[in-house]
Amino acid sequence: MIIQRVVLNSRPGKNGVPVAENFRLEQSTIADTVQAGQVRVKTLYLSVDPYMRCRMNEDTGSDYLQPWQLSEVADGGGIGVVEESKHQNLAKGDFVTSFTWPWQTEAILDGDSLQKLVPQLVNGRLSYFLGAAGITGLTALLGVREKGHVAAGANQTMVVSGAAGACGSLAGQIGRLEGCSRVVGIAGTDEKCSILVQEMGFDAAINYKKGDVAKQLRELCPDGVDVYFDNVGGDISDTVISQMNQNSHIILCGQISQYNKDVPYPPPLPPDTEKIQKERNITRERFLVLNYMDKQEASVLQLCQWIQEGKLKVRETVVEGLANIGAAFQSMMNGGNIGKQIVLVSK
């Protein structure tokens, strides 16, 4: 059977900025027959995420992420529909997902590697299982719960950087749902800031490309910062940390400003910032959602309930066509997306 797939065409270099041309669309084939335990699936949605930047390097710098190989098919979070099955628990028409879905139009996969989806849990919005009701939502929810130390009635102020991104836009809302009394986002355009406040219930948002971030932060967080959901690292994080309170907490989710630099993860803080962190006893521990998979089922159900109740607002940036996945990746790394970046491969 003839299919289309996307392979890694070239590496941007450890300090390089990814471009669409790092990926290549090509024609390939898959077997015509499905073996016992396997299913043939048609790809519906693929997820494009910042962590994938590490996979473009020969060495990901991580013990849990494997690098993509040149001229080999890329992979990541994906959703598809079963078209043929020789697996006892999966039938034609079932919707399924995997963290290692190949970037191709159709595939033959091991049925045991797939998780069956229930579309009703997300009001039929299947793509949400790649974002708000998937690994992105889990990262936001478990990050806040496991590392944020949010307590209802404690009058805590939360700041979220990269707040209009897939994880940040959920984290701020979850912070409020879990008990924070004030939530302030940091984003890169006036449009994103407006969406955070008007749609997603943030109390305020700062456009870091305009004006003095430190001054605006002092005005918007007069009692200091108790919880910082850090999606970006770099100068913005140094500014936030300088205004954090004694015994406060950093949820170290991602460091997108550092992803195109050859530095260890998490990147070390500058000496002045590290001094503040130690003097104020601010926790800053690496957070890896894969370490909390025992809480996955209950957490996904909580996320789905909030979505159904309208308490968790979801934004997606959807690009159509497998051929455009490289451009979608480039746009996301340049901050062009609002919410989760999704590629619609087939309807």
C-alpha atoms as a PDB file:
ATOM      1  CA  MET A   1       0.000   0.000   0.000  1.00  0.00           C
ATOM      2  CA  ILE A   2       1.360   3.423  -0.960  1.00  0.00           C
ATOM      3  CA  ILE A   3       1.455   6.059   1.779  1.00  0.00           C
ATOM      4  CA  GLN A   4       3.021   9.446   2.434  1.00  0.00           C
ATOM      5  CA  ARG A   5       5.365  10.040   5.309  1.00  0.00           C
ATOM      6  CA  VAL A   6       7.575  12.790   6.740  1.00  0.00           C
ATOM      7  CA  VAL A   7      11.218  12.071   7.546  1.00  0.00           C
ATOM      8  CA  LEU A   8      13.993  14.103   9.152  1.00  0.00           C
ATOM      9  CA  ASN A   9      15.764  15.685   6.180  1.00  0.00           C
ATOM     10  CA  SER A  10      18.542  17.512   8.060  1.00  0.00           C
ATOM     11  CA  ARG A  11      19.520  18.555  11.559  1.00  0.00           C
ATOM     12  CA  PRO A  12      19.463  22.267  12.471  1.00  0.00           C
ATOM     13  CA  GLY A  13      22.598  21.880  14.582  1.00  0.00           C
ATOM     14  CA  LYS A  14      22.598  22.043  18.378  1.00  0.00           C
ATOM     15  CA  ASN A  15      22.412  25.843  18.394  1.00  0.00           C
ATOM     16  CA  GLY A  16      20.435  26.243  15.168  1.00  0.00           C
ATOM     17  CA  VAL A  17      16.847  27.329  14.695  1.00  0.00           C
ATOM     18  CA  PRO A  18      14.620  24.643  13.093  1.00  0.00           C
ATOM     19  CA  VAL A  19      13.105  25.369   9.692  1.00  0.00           C
ATOM     20  CA  ALA A  20      10.472  23.583   7.625  1.00  0.00           C
ATOM     21  CA  GLU A  21      13.199  22.255   5.304  1.00  0.00           C
ATOM     22  CA  ASN A  22      14.585  20.111   8.128  1.00  0.00           C
ATOM     23  CA  PHE A  23      11.701  17.768   7.247  1.00  0.00           C
ATOM     24  CA  ARG A  24      10.907  16.032   3.957  1.00  0.00           C
ATOM     25  CA  LEU A  25       7.665  14.574   2.633  1.00  0.00           C
ATOM     26  CA  GLU A  26       8.110  11.379   0.652  1.00  0.00           C
ATOM     27  CA  GLN A  27       6.176   8.441  -0.717  1.00  0.00           C
ATOM     28  CA  SER A  28       6.620   5.038   0.862  1.00  0.00           C
ATOM     29  CA  THR A  29       4.817   1.720   1.234  1.00  0.00           C
ATOM     30  CA  ILE A  30       3.423  -0.388   4.043  1.00  0.00           C
ATOM     31  CA  ALA A  31       2.547  -4.094   3.973  1.00  0.00           C
ATOM     32  CA  ASP A  32      -0.762  -5.096   2.427  1.00  0.00           C
ATOM     33  CA  THR A  33      -1.457  -7.629   5.162  1.00  0.00           C
ATOM     34  CA  VAL A  34      -1.876  -7.185   8.909  1.00  0.00           C
ATOM     35  CA  GLN A  35      -0.261  -9.766  11.200  1.00  0.00           C
ATOM     36  CA  ALA A  36      -1.694 -11.193  14.418  1.00  0.00           C
ATOM     37  CA  GLY A  37      -1.767  -8.545  17.173  1.00  0.00           C
ATOM     38  CA  GLN A  38      -1.449  -5.689  14.682  1.00  0.00           C
ATOM     39  CA  VAL A  39      -3.831  -3.044  13.369  1.00  0.00           C
ATOM     40  CA  ARG A  40      -3.810  -0.849  10.273  1.00  0.00           C
ATOM     41  CA  VAL A  41      -4.665   2.726  11.142  1.00  0.00           C
ATOM     42  CA  LYS A  42      -5.426   5.886   9.219  1.00  0.00           C
ATOM     43  CA  THR A  43      -3.784   8.920  10.796  1.00  0.00           C
ATOM     44  CA  LEU A  44      -6.172  11.720  11.740  1.00  0.00           C
ATOM     45  CA  TYR A  45      -4.158  14.111  13.947  1.00  0.00           C
ATOM     46  CA  LEU A  46      -0.500  14.606  14.819  1.00  0.00           C
ATOM     47  CA  SER A  47       0.865  16.673  17.676  1.00  0.00           C
ATOM     48  CA  VAL A  48       3.741  19.138  17.255  1.00  0.00           C
ATOM     49  CA  ASP A  49       5.507  19.988  20.517  1.00  0.00           C
ATOM     50  CA  PRO A  50       8.497  22.036  21.724  1.00  0.00           C
ATOM     51  CA  TYR A  51      10.241  19.000  23.265  1.00  0.00           C
ATOM     52  CA  MET A  52      10.681  17.626  19.742  1.00  0.00           C
ATOM     53  CA  ARG A  53      13.413  20.203  19.160  1.00  0.00           C
ATOM     54  CA  CYS A  54      15.700  18.000  21.295  1.00  0.00           C
ATOM     55  CA  ARG A  55      14.929  15.011  19.081  1.00  0.00           C
ATOM     56  CA  MET A  56      16.345  16.849  16.062  1.00  0.00           C
ATOM     57  CA  ASN A  57      19.833  16.634  17.595  1.00  0.00           C
ATOM     58  CA  GLU A  58      22.068  13.561  17.373  1.00  0.00           C
ATOM     59  CA  ASP A  59      22.057  13.563  21.173  1.00  0.00           C
ATOM     60  CA  THR A  60      18.784  14.641  22.818  1.00  0.00           C
ATOM     61  CA  GLY A  61      20.537  15.394  26.107  1.00  0.00           C
ATOM     62  CA  SER A  62      17.865  13.291  27.791  1.00  0.00           C
ATOM     63  CA  ASP A  63      17.736   9.695  28.956  1.00  0.00           C
ATOM     64  CA  TYR A  64      14.044   9.309  28.059  1.00  0.00           C
ATOM     65  CA  LEU A  65      13.967  10.850  24.548  1.00  0.00           C
ATOM     66  CA  GLN A  66      15.401   9.110  21.503  1.00  0.00           C
ATOM     67  CA  PRO A  67      16.766  11.236  18.626  1.00  0.00           C
ATOM     68  CA  TRP A  68      15.090  11.147  15.243  1.00  0.00           C
ATOM     69  CA  GLN A  69      17.338   9.576  12.608  1.00  0.00           C
ATOM     70  CA  LEU A  70      18.111  11.203   9.266  1.00  0.00           C
ATOM     71  CA  SER A  71      15.900   9.963   6.416  1.00  0.00           C
ATOM     72  CA  GLU A  72      13.808   7.981   8.923  1.00  0.00           C
ATOM     73  CA  VAL A  73      10.156   8.713   9.683  1.00  0.00           C
ATOM     74  CA  ALA A  74       9.580  11.119  12.569  1.00  0.00           C
ATOM     75  CA  ASP A  75       7.105  10.286  15.331  1.00  0.00           C
ATOM     76  CA  GLY A  76       5.264  11.742  18.300  1.00  0.00           C
ATOM     77  CA  GLY A  77       1.781  12.021  19.735  1.00  0.00           C
ATOM     78  CA  GLY A  78      -0.869  10.954  17.242  1.00  0.00           C
ATOM     79  CA  ILE A  79      -4.487   9.871  16.867  1.00  0.00           C
ATOM     80  CA  GLY A  80      -5.999   7.637  14.221  1.00  0.00           C
ATOM     81  CA  VAL A  81      -8.834   5.315  13.390  1.00  0.00           C
ATOM     82  CA  VAL A  82      -8.521   1.553  13.051  1.00  0.00           C
ATOM     83  CA  GLU A  83      -9.213   0.405   9.479  1.00  0.00           C
ATOM     84  CA  GLU A  84      -8.286  -3.269   9.901  1.00  0.00           C
ATOM     85  CA  SER A  85      -7.578  -5.219  13.069  1.00  0.00           C
ATOM     86  CA  LYS A  86      -6.066  -8.518  14.108  1.00  0.00           C
ATOM     87  CA  HIS A  87      -5.893  -7.455  17.757  1.00  0.00           C
ATOM     88  CA  GLN A  88      -8.393  -8.938  20.191  1.00  0.00           C
ATOM     89  CA  ASN A  89      -9.222  -5.648  21.940  1.00  0.00           C
ATOM     90  CA  LEU A  90      -9.428  -3.334  18.928  1.00  0.00           C
ATOM     91  CA  ALA A  91     -12.012  -3.256  16.145  1.00  0.00           C
ATOM     92  CA  LYS A  92     -12.463  -1.414  12.884  1.00  0.00           C
ATOM     93  CA  GLY A  93     -13.696   2.114  13.605  1.00  0.00           C
ATOM     94  CA  ASP A  94     -12.039   2.416  17.019  1.00  0.00           C
ATOM     95  CA  PHE A  95     -10.178   5.661  17.703  1.00  0.00           C
ATOM     96  CA  VAL A  96      -6.703   5.107  19.139  1.00  0.00           C
ATOM     97  CA  THR A  97      -3.677   7.106  20.239  1.00  0.00           C
ATOM     98  CA  SER A  98       0.036   6.638  20.921  1.00  0.00           C
ATOM     99  CA  PHE A  99       3.016   8.734  22.071  1.00  0.00           C
ATOM    100  CA  THR A 100       5.085   7.243  19.227  1.00  0.00           C
ATOM    101  CA  TRP A 101       2.764   7.644  16.249  1.00  0.00           C
ATOM    102  CA  PRO A 102       4.680   7.731  12.944  1.00  0.00           C
ATOM    103  CA  TRP A 103       4.305  10.873  10.832  1.00  0.00           C
ATOM    104  CA  GLN A 104       2.611   9.109   7.932  1.00  0.00           C
ATOM    105  CA  THR A 105      -0.850   8.887   6.406  1.00  0.00           C
ATOM    106  CA  GLU A 106      -1.398   5.228   7.274  1.00  0.00           C
ATOM    107  CA  ALA A 107       0.533   2.722   9.363  1.00  0.00           C
ATOM    108  CA  ILE A 108       0.551  -0.831  10.660  1.00  0.00           C
ATOM    109  CA  LEU A 109       1.079  -0.732  14.419  1.00  0.00           C
ATOM    110  CA  ASP A 110       1.277  -3.160  17.312  1.00  0.00           C
ATOM    111  CA  GLY A 111      -2.163  -3.058  18.928  1.00  0.00           C
ATOM    112  CA  ASP A 112      -0.645  -3.332  22.422  1.00  0.00           C
ATOM    113  CA  SER A 113       1.113   0.017  21.869  1.00  0.00           C
ATOM    114  CA  LEU A 114      -2.192   1.845  21.356  1.00  0.00           C
ATOM    115  CA  GLN A 115      -4.673   3.334  23.787  1.00  0.00           C
ATOM    116  CA  LYS A 116      -8.353   3.261  22.866  1.00  0.00           C
ATOM    117  CA  LEU A 117     -10.119   6.620  23.076  1.00  0.00           C
ATOM    118  CA  VAL A 118     -13.655   7.537  24.152  1.00  0.00           C
ATOM    119  CA  PRO A 119     -14.653  10.605  22.082  1.00  0.00           C
ATOM    120  CA  GLN A 120     -17.600  11.399  24.375  1.00  0.00           C
ATOM    121  CA  LEU A 121     -15.172  12.337  27.158  1.00  0.00           C
ATOM    122  CA  VAL A 122     -14.103  15.406  25.150  1.00  0.00           C
ATOM    123  CA  ASN A 123     -17.452  16.187  23.526  1.00  0.00           C
ATOM    124  CA  GLY A 124     -16.244  14.573  20.302  1.00  0.00           C
ATOM    125  CA  ARG A 125     -13.170  16.807  19.956  1.00  0.00           C
ATOM    126  CA  LEU A 126     -10.693  13.977  19.372  1.00  0.00           C
ATOM    127  CA  SER A 127      -7.674  16.233  18.987  1.00  0.00           C
ATOM    128  CA  TYR A 128      -8.074  17.276  22.641  1.00  0.00           C
ATOM    129  CA  PHE A 129      -6.580  13.886  23.561  1.00  0.00           C
ATOM    130  CA  LEU A 130      -3.270  15.224  22.202  1.00  0.00           C
ATOM    131  CA  GLY A 131      -3.560  18.405  24.246  1.00  0.00           C
ATOM    132  CA  ALA A 132      -5.879  19.379  27.071  1.00  0.00           C
ATOM    133  CA  ALA A 133      -6.982  15.782  27.762  1.00  0.00           C
ATOM    134  CA  GLY A 134      -3.615  14.271  26.851  1.00  0.00           C
ATOM    135  CA  ILE A 135       0.027  14.583  27.797  1.00  0.00           C
ATOM    136  CA  THR A 136      -0.103  18.404  27.664  1.00  0.00           C
ATOM    137  CA  GLY A 137      -3.007  18.621  30.094  1.00  0.00           C
ATOM    138  CA  LEU A 138      -1.402  16.005  32.321  1.00  0.00           C
ATOM    139  CA  THR A 139       1.807  18.041  32.403  1.00  0.00           C
ATOM    140  CA  ALA A 140      -0.096  21.162  33.437  1.00  0.00           C
ATOM    141  CA  LEU A 141      -2.297  19.449  36.039  1.00  0.00           C
ATOM    142  CA  LEU A 142       0.326  17.203  37.623  1.00  0.00           C
ATOM    143  CA  GLY A 143       2.924  19.973  37.496  1.00  0.00           C
ATOM    144  CA  VAL A 144       0.640  22.258  39.496  1.00  0.00           C
ATOM    145  CA  ARG A 145      -0.350  19.488  41.911  1.00  0.00           C
ATOM    146  CA  GLU A 146       3.025  17.814  42.423  1.00  0.00           C
ATOM    147  CA  LYS A 147       5.407  20.795  42.315  1.00  0.00           C
ATOM    148  CA  GLY A 148       3.242  23.910  42.778  1.00  0.00           C
ATOM    149  CA  HIS A 149       2.059  23.249  46.345  1.00  0.00           C
ATOM    150  CA  VAL A 150      -1.129  25.179  45.632  1.00  0.00           C
ATOM    151  CA  ALA A 151      -3.538  25.287  48.561  1.00  0.00           C
ATOM    152  CA  ALA A 152      -7.089  26.639  48.430  1.00  0.00           C
ATOM    153  CA  GLY A 153      -7.515  29.673  50.659  1.00  0.00           C
ATOM    154  CA  ALA A 154      -3.779  30.373  50.874  1.00  0.00           C
ATOM    155  CA  ASN A 155      -4.112  33.572  48.779  1.00  0.00           C
ATOM    156  CA  GLN A 156      -1.334  32.489  46.398  1.00  0.00           C
ATOM    157  CA  THR A 157      -0.271  34.371  43.272  1.00  0.00           C
ATOM    158  CA  MET A 158       0.755  32.297  40.259  1.00  0.00           C
ATOM    159  CA  VAL A 159       2.730  33.516  37.244  1.00  0.00           C
ATOM    160  CA  VAL A 160       2.886  31.511  34.010  1.00  0.00           C
ATOM    161  CA  SER A 161       5.455  32.169  31.278  1.00  0.00           C
ATOM    162  CA  GLY A 162       4.777  30.965  27.751  1.00  0.00           C
ATOM    163  CA  ALA A 163       1.197  31.410  28.939  1.00  0.00           C
ATOM    164  CA  ALA A 164      -0.483  31.286  25.525  1.00  0.00           C
ATOM    165  CA  GLY A 165       1.183  28.018  24.580  1.00  0.00           C
ATOM    166  CA  ALA A 166      -0.329  24.554  24.821  1.00  0.00           C
ATOM    167  CA  CYS A 167       0.760  23.877  28.391  1.00  0.00           C
ATOM    168  CA  GLY A 168       0.834  27.410  29.784  1.00  0.00           C
ATOM    169  CA  SER A 169      -2.709  28.271  28.749  1.00  0.00           C
ATOM    170  CA  LEU A 170      -3.958  25.217  30.665  1.00  0.00           C
ATOM    171  CA  ALA A 171      -1.626  25.642  33.649  1.00  0.00           C
ATOM    172  CA  GLY A 172      -2.931  29.098  34.519  1.00  0.00           C
ATOM    173  CA  GLN A 173      -6.537  27.937  34.410  1.00  0.00           C
ATOM    174  CA  ILE A 174      -5.704  24.859  36.486  1.00  0.00           C
ATOM    175  CA  GLY A 175      -3.857  27.023  39.011  1.00  0.00           C
ATOM    176  CA  ARG A 176      -7.063  28.983  39.509  1.00  0.00           C
ATOM    177  CA  LEU A 177      -9.203  25.822  39.687  1.00  0.00           C
ATOM    178  CA  GLU A 178      -6.843  24.341  42.281  1.00  0.00           C
ATOM    179  CA  GLY A 179      -7.010  27.435  44.500  1.00  0.00           C
ATOM    180  CA  CYS A 180      -4.711  30.282  43.396  1.00  0.00           C
ATOM    181  CA  SER A 181      -6.306  33.659  44.100  1.00  0.00           C
ATOM    182  CA  ARG A 182      -4.406  35.517  41.360  1.00  0.00           C
ATOM    183  CA  VAL A 183      -3.013  34.274  38.026  1.00  0.00           C
ATOM    184  CA  VAL A 184      -0.841  36.391  35.732  1.00  0.00           C
ATOM    185  CA  GLY A 185       0.403  35.234  32.326  1.00  0.00           C
ATOM    186  CA  ILE A 186       3.395  36.315  30.247  1.00  0.00           C
ATOM    187  CA  ALA A 187       3.113  36.046  26.443  1.00  0.00           C
ATOM    188  CA  GLY A 188       4.567  37.591  23.286  1.00  0.00           C
ATOM    189  CA  THR A 189       1.708  39.474  21.581  1.00  0.00           C
ATOM    190  CA  ASP A 190      -1.199  41.710  22.573  1.00  0.00           C
ATOM    191  CA  GLU A 191      -3.575  39.207  20.933  1.00  0.00           C
ATOM    192  CA  LYS A 192      -2.299  36.371  23.119  1.00  0.00           C
ATOM    193  CA  CYS A 193      -2.541  38.540  26.260  1.00  0.00           C
ATOM    194  CA  SER A 194      -6.109  39.480  25.368  1.00  0.00           C
ATOM    195  CA  ILE A 195      -7.126  35.826  24.899  1.00  0.00           C
ATOM    196  CA  LEU A 196      -5.586  34.876  28.253  1.00  0.00           C
ATOM    197  CA  VAL A 197      -7.613  37.477  30.116  1.00  0.00           C
ATOM    198  CA  GLN A 198     -10.863  37.484  28.158  1.00  0.00           C
ATOM    199  CA  GLU A 199     -11.201  33.766  27.332  1.00  0.00           C
ATOM    200  CA  MET A 200      -9.104  31.864  29.836  1.00  0.00           C
ATOM    201  CA  GLY A 201      -9.751  33.744  33.036  1.00  0.00           C
ATOM    202  CA  PHE A 202      -6.251  35.032  33.790  1.00  0.00           C
ATOM    203  CA  ASP A 203      -6.386  38.153  36.002  1.00  0.00           C
ATOM    204  CA  ALA A 204      -3.804  39.904  33.848  1.00  0.00           C
ATOM    205  CA  ALA A 205      -1.226  39.262  31.147  1.00  0.00           C
ATOM    206  CA  ILE A 206       2.083  40.906  30.247  1.00  0.00           C
ATOM    207  CA  ASN A 207       3.413  41.272  26.704  1.00  0.00           C
ATOM    208  CA  TYR A 208       7.110  40.748  27.356  1.00  0.00           C
ATOM    209  CA  LYS A 209       8.007  42.436  24.067  1.00  0.00           C
ATOM    210  CA  LYS A 210       6.500  45.708  25.301  1.00  0.00           C
ATOM    211  CA  GLY A 211       7.627  47.815  28.233  1.00  0.00           C
ATOM    212  CA  ASP A 212       9.402  46.894  31.445  1.00  0.00           C
ATOM    213  CA  VAL A 213       8.432  43.338  32.462  1.00  0.00           C
ATOM    214  CA  ALA A 214       9.833  43.687  35.986  1.00  0.00           C
ATOM    215  CA  LYS A 215       7.868  46.901  36.580  1.00  0.00           C
ATOM    216  CA  GLN A 216       4.628  45.421  35.210  1.00  0.00           C
ATOM    217  CA  LEU A 217       5.116  42.289  37.293  1.00  0.00           C
ATOM    218  CA  ARG A 218       5.539  44.343  40.479  1.00  0.00           C
ATOM    219  CA  GLU A 219       2.325  46.232  39.695  1.00  0.00           C
ATOM    220  CA  LEU A 220       0.309  43.100  38.846  1.00  0.00           C
ATOM    221  CA  CYS A 221       1.703  40.942  41.664  1.00  0.00           C
ATOM    222  CA  PRO A 222       1.887  43.408  44.594  1.00  0.00           C
ATOM    223  CA  ASP A 223       2.180  40.558  47.117  1.00  0.00           C
ATOM    224  CA  GLY A 224       4.991  38.844  45.193  1.00  0.00           C
ATOM    225  CA  VAL A 225       4.900  35.496  43.387  1.00  0.00           C
ATOM    226  CA  ASP A 226       4.193  32.224  45.195  1.00  0.00           C
ATOM    227  CA  VAL A 227       4.014  29.773  42.278  1.00  0.00           C
ATOM    228  CA  TYR A 228       5.824  30.134  38.950  1.00  0.00           C
ATOM    229  CA  PHE A 229       4.947  27.776  36.076  1.00  0.00           C
ATOM    230  CA  ASP A 230       8.097  28.138  33.976  1.00  0.00           C
ATOM    231  CA  ASN A 231       7.739  27.269  30.291  1.00  0.00           C
ATOM    232  CA  VAL A 232      10.527  29.443  28.909  1.00  0.00           C
ATOM    233  CA  GLY A 233      13.593  29.912  31.109  1.00  0.00           C
ATOM    234  CA  GLY A 234      16.098  32.644  30.246  1.00  0.00           C
ATOM    235  CA  ASP A 235      15.740  36.347  31.047  1.00  0.00           C
ATOM    236  CA  ILE A 236      11.986  36.213  31.666  1.00  0.00           C
ATOM    237  CA  SER A 237      12.405  33.563  34.317  1.00  0.00           C
ATOM    238  CA  ASP A 238      15.239  35.492  35.983  1.00  0.00           C
ATOM    239  CA  THR A 239      12.876  38.478  36.237  1.00  0.00           C
ATOM    240  CA  VAL A 240      10.055  36.408  37.746  1.00  0.00           C
ATOM    241  CA  ILE A 241      12.337  34.628  40.224  1.00  0.00           C
ATOM    242  CA  SER A 242      13.616  38.007  41.454  1.00  0.00           C
ATOM    243  CA  GLN A 243      10.058  38.755  42.638  1.00  0.00           C
ATOM    244  CA  MET A 244       9.256  35.391  44.193  1.00  0.00           C
ATOM    245  CA  ASN A 245       8.422  35.083  47.881  1.00  0.00           C
ATOM    246  CA  GLN A 246      10.120  33.122  50.630  1.00  0.00           C
ATOM    247  CA  ASN A 247       9.403  29.362  50.397  1.00  0.00           C
ATOM    248  CA  SER A 248       7.777  29.720  46.966  1.00  0.00           C
ATOM    249  CA  HIS A 249       7.810  27.154  44.170  1.00  0.00           C
ATOM    250  CA  ILE A 250       8.929  26.943  40.532  1.00  0.00           C
ATOM    251  CA  ILE A 251       7.245  24.319  38.352  1.00  0.00           C
ATOM    252  CA  LEU A 252       9.996  23.604  35.854  1.00  0.00           C
ATOM    253  CA  CYS A 253       8.003  22.505  32.826  1.00  0.00           C
ATOM    254  CA  GLY A 254      10.025  23.589  29.803  1.00  0.00           C
ATOM    255  CA  GLN A 255      12.762  25.970  28.762  1.00  0.00           C
ATOM    256  CA  ILE A 256      11.781  26.859  25.215  1.00  0.00           C
ATOM    257  CA  SER A 257      14.044  29.920  25.091  1.00  0.00           C
ATOM    258  CA  GLN A 258      16.965  27.551  25.652  1.00  0.00           C
ATOM    259  CA  TYR A 259      15.980  24.713  23.289  1.00  0.00           C
ATOM    260  CA  ASN A 260      18.124  26.008  20.414  1.00  0.00           C
ATOM    261  CA  LYS A 261      21.187  26.271  22.666  1.00  0.00           C
ATOM    262  CA  ASP A 262      23.606  23.524  23.621  1.00  0.00           C
ATOM    263  CA  VAL A 263      23.065  23.718  27.391  1.00  0.00           C
ATOM    264  CA  PRO A 264      22.164  21.062  29.966  1.00  0.00           C
ATOM    265  CA  TYR A 265      18.538  20.619  31.010  1.00  0.00           C
ATOM    266  CA  PRO A 266      17.417  22.201  33.175  1.00  0.00           C
ATOM    267  CA  PRO A 267      19.783  25.068  32.320  1.00  0.00           C
ATOM    268  CA  PRO A 268      21.706  26.467  35.295  1.00  0.00           C
ATOM    269  CA  LEU A 269      20.543  29.805  36.663  1.00  0.00           C
ATOM    270  CA  PRO A 270      22.794  32.890  36.480  1.00  0.00           C
ATOM    271  CA  PRO A 271      24.706  33.425  39.779  1.00  0.00           C
ATOM    272  CA  ASP A 272      22.527  36.357  40.958  1.00  0.00           C
ATOM    273  CA  THR A 273      19.308  34.444  40.295  1.00  0.00           C
ATOM    274  CA  GLU A 274      20.654  31.293  41.926  1.00  0.00           C
ATOM    275  CA  LYS A 275      21.565  33.352  45.003  1.00  0.00           C
ATOM    276  CA  ILE A 276      17.953  34.604  45.266  1.00  0.00           C
ATOM    277  CA  GLN A 277      16.630  31.073  44.836  1.00  0.00           C
ATOM    278  CA  LYS A 278      18.780  29.727  47.676  1.00  0.00           C
ATOM    279  CA  GLU A 279      18.266  32.662  50.041  1.00  0.00           C
ATOM    280  CA  ARG A 280      14.474  32.528  49.666  1.00  0.00           C
ATOM    281  CA  ASN A 281      14.334  28.720  49.737  1.00  0.00           C
ATOM    282  CA  ILE A 282      12.566  28.570  46.367  1.00  0.00           C
ATOM    283  CA  THR A 283      12.053  25.017  45.107  1.00  0.00           C
ATOM    284  CA  ARG A 284      13.102  24.417  41.474  1.00  0.00           C
ATOM    285  CA  GLU A 285      12.925  20.727  40.693  1.00  0.00           C
ATOM    286  CA  ARG A 286      12.858  19.115  37.299  1.00  0.00           C
ATOM    287  CA  PHE A 287       9.348  17.912  36.509  1.00  0.00           C
ATOM    288  CA  LEU A 288       8.806  14.929  34.215  1.00  0.00           C
ATOM    289  CA  VAL A 289       5.187  13.894  33.747  1.00  0.00           C
ATOM    290  CA  LEU A 290       6.208  10.347  32.758  1.00  0.00           C
ATOM    291  CA  ASN A 291       7.182   9.787  36.401  1.00  0.00           C
ATOM    292  CA  TYR A 292       3.548  10.182  37.447  1.00  0.00           C
ATOM    293  CA  MET A 293       1.807   7.783  35.079  1.00  0.00           C
ATOM    294  CA  ASP A 294       0.190   6.023  38.041  1.00  0.00           C
ATOM    295  CA  LYS A 295      -1.989   9.148  38.310  1.00  0.00           C
ATOM    296  CA  GLN A 296      -2.732   9.348  34.575  1.00  0.00           C
ATOM    297  CA  GLU A 297      -6.213   7.811  34.516  1.00  0.00           C
ATOM    298  CA  ALA A 298      -7.692   9.856  37.351  1.00  0.00           C
ATOM    299  CA  SER A 299      -6.029  13.025  36.073  1.00  0.00           C
ATOM    300  CA  VAL A 300      -7.348  12.593  32.509  1.00  0.00           C
ATOM    301  CA  LEU A 301     -10.854  12.084  33.876  1.00  0.00           C
ATOM    302  CA  GLN A 302     -10.495  15.295  35.910  1.00  0.00           C
ATOM    303  CA  LEU A 303      -9.364  17.211  32.818  1.00  0.00           C
ATOM    304  CA  CYS A 304     -12.246  15.814  30.763  1.00  0.00           C
ATOM    305  CA  GLN A 305     -14.729  16.770  33.469  1.00  0.00           C
ATOM    306  CA  TRP A 306     -13.438  20.368  33.507  1.00  0.00           C
ATOM    307  CA  ILE A 307     -13.658  20.487  29.700  1.00  0.00           C
ATOM    308  CA  GLN A 308     -17.232  19.181  29.713  1.00  0.00           C
ATOM    309  CA  GLU A 309     -18.212  21.678  32.421  1.00  0.00           C
ATOM    310  CA  GLY A 310     -16.655  24.559  30.489  1.00  0.00           C
ATOM    311  CA  LYS A 311     -14.219  25.274  33.308  1.00  0.00           C
ATOM    312  CA  LEU A 312     -11.155  24.526  31.165  1.00  0.00           C
ATOM    313  CA  LYS A 313     -11.052  26.535  27.944  1.00  0.00           C
ATOM    314  CA  VAL A 314      -9.092  24.957  25.094  1.00  0.00           C
ATOM    315  CA  ARG A 315      -7.370  26.694  22.179  1.00  0.00           C
ATOM    316  CA  GLU A 316      -5.789  24.909  19.211  1.00  0.00           C
ATOM    317  CA  THR A 317      -3.804  26.094  16.215  1.00  0.00           C
ATOM    318  CA  VAL A 318      -4.685  23.584  13.477  1.00  0.00           C
ATOM    319  CA  VAL A 319      -2.668  23.201  10.275  1.00  0.00           C
ATOM    320  CA  GLU A 320      -4.083  20.986   7.537  1.00  0.00           C
ATOM    321  CA  GLY A 321      -2.015  18.479   5.587  1.00  0.00           C
ATOM    322  CA  LEU A 322       0.918  16.229   6.446  1.00  0.00           C
ATOM    323  CA  ALA A 323       3.016  18.190   3.927  1.00  0.00           C
ATOM    324  CA  ASN A 324       2.765  21.245   6.204  1.00  0.00           C
ATOM    325  CA  ILE A 325       4.000  19.642   9.422  1.00  0.00           C
ATOM    326  CA  GLY A 326       7.515  21.090   9.021  1.00  0.00           C
ATOM    327  CA  ALA A 327       6.120  24.599   8.618  1.00  0.00           C
ATOM    328  CA  ALA A 328       3.865  24.015  11.649  1.00  0.00           C
ATOM    329  CA  PHE A 329       6.906  22.984  13.693  1.00  0.00           C
ATOM    330  CA  GLN A 330       8.860  26.070  12.605  1.00  0.00           C
ATOM    331  CA  SER A 331       5.923  28.359  13.426  1.00  0.00           C
ATOM    332  CA  MET A 332       5.478  26.816  16.885  1.00  0.00           C
ATOM    333  CA  MET A 333       9.158  27.193  17.747  1.00  0.00           C
ATOM    334  CA  ASN A 334       8.874  30.862  16.727  1.00  0.00           C
ATOM    335  CA  GLY A 335       5.864  31.363  18.995  1.00  0.00           C
ATOM    336  CA  GLY A 336       3.330  31.495  16.179  1.00  0.00           C
ATOM    337  CA  ASN A 337       0.747  29.226  17.792  1.00  0.00           C
ATOM    338  CA  ILE A 338      -1.961  29.904  20.377  1.00  0.00           C
ATOM    339  CA  GLY A 339      -2.655  26.832  22.466  1.00  0.00           C
ATOM    340  CA  LYS A 340      -1.839  23.376  21.143  1.00  0.00           C
ATOM    341  CA  GLN A 341      -0.272  22.994  17.679  1.00  0.00           C
ATOM    342  CA  ILE A 342      -2.124  20.236  15.803  1.00  0.00           C
ATOM    343  CA  VAL A 343      -1.712  18.904  12.280  1.00  0.00           C
ATOM    344  CA  LEU A 344      -4.884  17.543  10.681  1.00  0.00           C
ATOM    345  CA  VAL A 345      -3.689  14.716   8.448  1.00  0.00           C
ATOM    346  CA  SER A 346      -7.024  13.255   7.400  1.00  0.00           C
ATOM    347  CA  LYS A 347     -10.696  13.981   8.077  1.00  0.00           C
END
